[in-house]
Protein backbone atom coordinates (compact mmCIF):
# COMPACT_ATOMS: atom_id res chain seq x y z
CA UNK A 1 4.83 -6.17 14.98
CA UNK A 2 4.29 -9.80 14.13
CA UNK A 3 0.97 -10.97 12.67
CA UNK A 4 0.20 -14.66 12.39
CA UNK A 5 -1.38 -15.75 9.09
CA UNK A 6 -2.93 -19.11 8.29
CA UNK A 7 -3.12 -20.32 4.67
CA UNK A 8 -6.49 -21.93 4.08
CA UNK A 9 -5.95 -22.69 0.39
CA UNK A 10 -2.94 -23.80 -1.63
CA UNK A 11 -3.26 -20.79 -3.99
CA UNK A 12 -3.26 -18.29 -1.11
CA UNK A 13 -0.36 -15.84 -1.14
CA UNK A 14 1.12 -14.57 2.13
CA UNK A 15 0.98 -10.77 1.84
CA UNK A 16 4.07 -8.60 1.72
CA UNK A 17 4.82 -4.91 1.55
CA UNK A 18 5.98 -3.94 -1.96
CA UNK A 19 8.39 -1.24 -0.73
CA UNK A 20 10.00 -0.29 2.57
CA UNK A 21 7.71 2.77 2.76
CA UNK A 22 4.45 1.00 1.93
CA UNK A 23 1.62 1.55 4.41
CA UNK A 24 -0.43 -1.29 2.94
CA UNK A 25 0.30 -4.83 1.78
CA UNK A 26 -1.28 -6.48 -1.23
CA UNK A 27 -4.02 -9.07 -0.83
CA UNK A 28 -4.50 -11.60 -3.64
CA UNK A 29 -7.49 -13.50 -5.04
CA UNK A 30 -7.44 -17.30 -4.93
CA UNK A 31 -10.10 -18.02 -7.53
CA UNK A 32 -11.13 -16.96 -11.00
CA UNK A 33 -14.17 -14.68 -10.65
CA UNK A 34 -16.24 -12.62 -13.07
CA UNK A 35 -17.98 -9.54 -11.66
CA UNK A 36 -20.60 -8.13 -14.05
CA UNK A 37 -21.67 -4.45 -14.00
CA UNK A 38 -24.00 -3.91 -11.05
CA UNK A 39 -22.87 -7.09 -9.27
CA UNK A 40 -21.39 -7.41 -5.80
CA UNK A 41 -19.21 -10.40 -4.96
CA UNK A 42 -17.04 -11.59 -2.09
CA UNK A 43 -13.58 -12.52 -3.31
CA UNK A 44 -11.84 -15.26 -1.36
CA UNK A 45 -8.27 -14.71 -0.16
CA UNK A 46 -7.56 -18.12 1.36
CA UNK A 47 -6.10 -16.41 4.44
CA UNK A 48 -7.05 -15.92 8.06
CA UNK A 49 -5.19 -13.55 10.37
CA UNK A 50 -4.44 -13.34 14.07
CA UNK A 51 -4.48 -9.57 14.53
CA UNK A 52 -3.05 -8.43 17.87
CA UNK A 53 -5.56 -7.06 20.39
CA UNK A 54 -5.85 -3.28 20.09
CA UNK A 55 -5.47 -3.40 16.28
CA UNK A 56 -7.60 -4.12 13.24
CA UNK A 57 -6.85 -5.20 9.69
CA UNK A 58 -8.33 -2.59 7.34
CA UNK A 59 -9.17 -3.63 3.78
CA UNK A 60 -8.75 -0.72 1.36
CA UNK A 61 -8.65 -0.34 -2.43
CA UNK A 62 -5.48 -0.52 -4.47
CA UNK A 63 -5.14 2.83 -6.23
CA UNK A 64 -4.27 1.25 -9.58
CA UNK A 65 -7.41 -0.90 -9.55
CA UNK A 66 -9.55 2.14 -8.69
CA UNK A 67 -8.01 4.33 -11.40
CA UNK A 68 -7.92 1.75 -14.19
CA UNK A 69 -11.17 -0.16 -13.60
CA UNK A 70 -14.70 0.18 -12.27
CA UNK A 71 -14.08 -2.40 -9.54
CA UNK A 72 -14.59 -0.92 -6.05
CA UNK A 73 -14.20 -2.21 -2.50
CA UNK A 74 -17.79 -1.96 -1.23
CA UNK A 75 -17.27 -1.25 2.44
CA UNK A 76 -13.99 0.60 2.31
CA UNK A 77 -12.34 0.52 4.64
CA UNK A 78 -13.43 -2.96 5.56
CA UNK A 79 -12.59 -4.03 9.09
CA UNK A 80 -11.23 -7.38 10.23
CA UNK A 81 -11.47 -7.40 14.03
CA UNK A 82 -8.70 -8.79 16.21
CA UNK A 83 -10.94 -11.60 17.49
CA UNK A 84 -12.04 -12.80 14.00
CA UNK A 85 -10.33 -16.01 12.85
CA UNK A 86 -12.24 -16.85 9.67
CA UNK A 87 -11.22 -16.40 6.06
CA UNK A 88 -10.83 -12.78 5.00
CA UNK A 89 -13.09 -11.96 2.06
CA UNK A 90 -12.98 -8.82 -0.07
CA UNK A 91 -16.40 -7.38 -0.97
CA UNK A 92 -16.28 -5.79 -4.43
CA UNK A 93 -18.73 -4.00 -6.72
CA UNK A 94 -18.47 -3.53 -10.46
CA UNK A 95 -19.79 0.03 -10.85
CA UNK A 96 -19.51 0.16 -14.66
CA UNK A 97 -23.18 1.16 -15.03
CA UNK A 98 -22.67 3.33 -18.12
CA UNK A 99 -21.26 0.63 -20.36
CA UNK A 100 -23.58 -0.47 -23.16
CA UNK A 101 -21.98 -3.89 -22.99
CA UNK A 102 -22.42 -6.23 -20.05
CA UNK A 103 -18.75 -7.14 -19.91
CA UNK A 104 -17.54 -8.56 -16.60
CA UNK A 105 -14.42 -7.50 -14.78
CA UNK A 106 -12.33 -10.68 -14.69
CA UNK A 107 -10.28 -11.52 -11.62
CA UNK A 108 -7.67 -14.23 -12.05
CA UNK A 109 -6.02 -16.42 -9.43
CA UNK A 110 -3.20 -14.43 -7.86
CA UNK A 111 -4.50 -10.99 -8.88
CA UNK A 112 -3.78 -8.27 -6.33
CA UNK A 113 -7.32 -7.14 -5.48
CA UNK A 114 -6.98 -4.99 -2.37
CA UNK A 115 -4.57 -3.72 0.24
CA UNK A 116 -4.47 -4.47 3.93
CA UNK A 117 -3.36 -2.07 6.67
CA UNK A 118 -2.81 -2.90 10.32
CA UNK A 119 -4.12 0.05 12.32
CA UNK A 120 -4.61 0.81 16.02
CA UNK A 121 -8.14 0.71 17.44
CA UNK A 122 -9.46 2.78 20.31
CA UNK A 123 -12.57 1.52 22.07
CA UNK A 124 -14.67 4.29 23.58
CA UNK A 125 -16.84 4.35 26.65
CA UNK A 126 -20.23 5.75 25.63
CA UNK A 127 -22.06 8.09 27.96
CA UNK A 128 -25.69 9.02 27.34
CA UNK A 129 -26.33 12.74 27.91
CA UNK A 130 -29.23 15.14 27.34
CA UNK A 131 -27.13 17.83 25.62
CA UNK A 132 -23.90 18.00 23.65
CA UNK A 133 -21.37 20.84 23.76
CA UNK A 134 -22.10 23.55 21.16
CA UNK A 135 -19.69 24.04 18.23
CA UNK A 136 -19.39 26.56 15.41
CA UNK A 137 -20.59 23.95 12.92
CA UNK A 138 -23.46 22.67 15.04
CA UNK A 139 -25.70 20.24 13.17
CA UNK A 140 -24.49 21.27 9.70
CA UNK A 141 -23.46 18.35 7.52
CA UNK A 142 -23.60 17.01 3.97
CA UNK A 143 -21.86 19.96 2.27
CA UNK A 144 -22.90 22.59 4.82
CA UNK A 145 -19.39 24.10 4.84
CA UNK A 146 -19.69 25.02 1.15
CA UNK A 147 -18.74 23.77 -2.27
CA UNK A 148 -16.07 26.26 -3.31
CA UNK A 149 -13.94 25.13 -6.23
CA UNK A 150 -10.70 26.53 -7.63
CA UNK A 151 -9.92 25.99 -11.30
CA UNK A 152 -6.41 24.83 -12.15
CA UNK A 153 -5.94 26.73 -15.42
CA UNK A 154 -3.04 24.59 -16.69
CA UNK A 155 -4.92 21.32 -16.44
CA UNK A 156 -8.42 22.88 -16.67
CA UNK A 157 -9.45 20.77 -13.68
CA UNK A 158 -11.77 21.81 -10.86
CA UNK A 159 -10.31 21.19 -7.41
CA UNK A 160 -12.52 21.00 -4.34
CA UNK A 161 -10.92 23.24 -1.71
CA UNK A 162 -13.15 21.97 1.11
CA UNK A 163 -11.78 19.24 3.29
């Protein structure tokens, strides 16, 4: 699949897959930004995409950023629709609420801040009805299937066995 990309800024970096098996490609920041604990910012990428009809560009976190920092992609996955032609921005939150210092997370020009994934989209036809088909689960939600945990004795870690 070919996806057209327009550079809107000289510091913009055309994304690439880091390995032949990568599902996502890295998206880079084009400006120095400081995100203080509790703040939400939109990070500029300097790129616009022409996503083929029937697909979307999903914006998802990079696992290393999530593990090593308190920077989070706010609306993950973010969606860039196939008919959008503006600059892609990455909405981030600094969730370091427990720090006694108000130290910002610093993003430098060229930092890999998120991943993009091109995924198929199915558009549904919605039909209003008076009743829905019954299921075993019914209206149960928000943990209604249980909170059973198994302890991994070697690592002494609790693992949620509910999917």
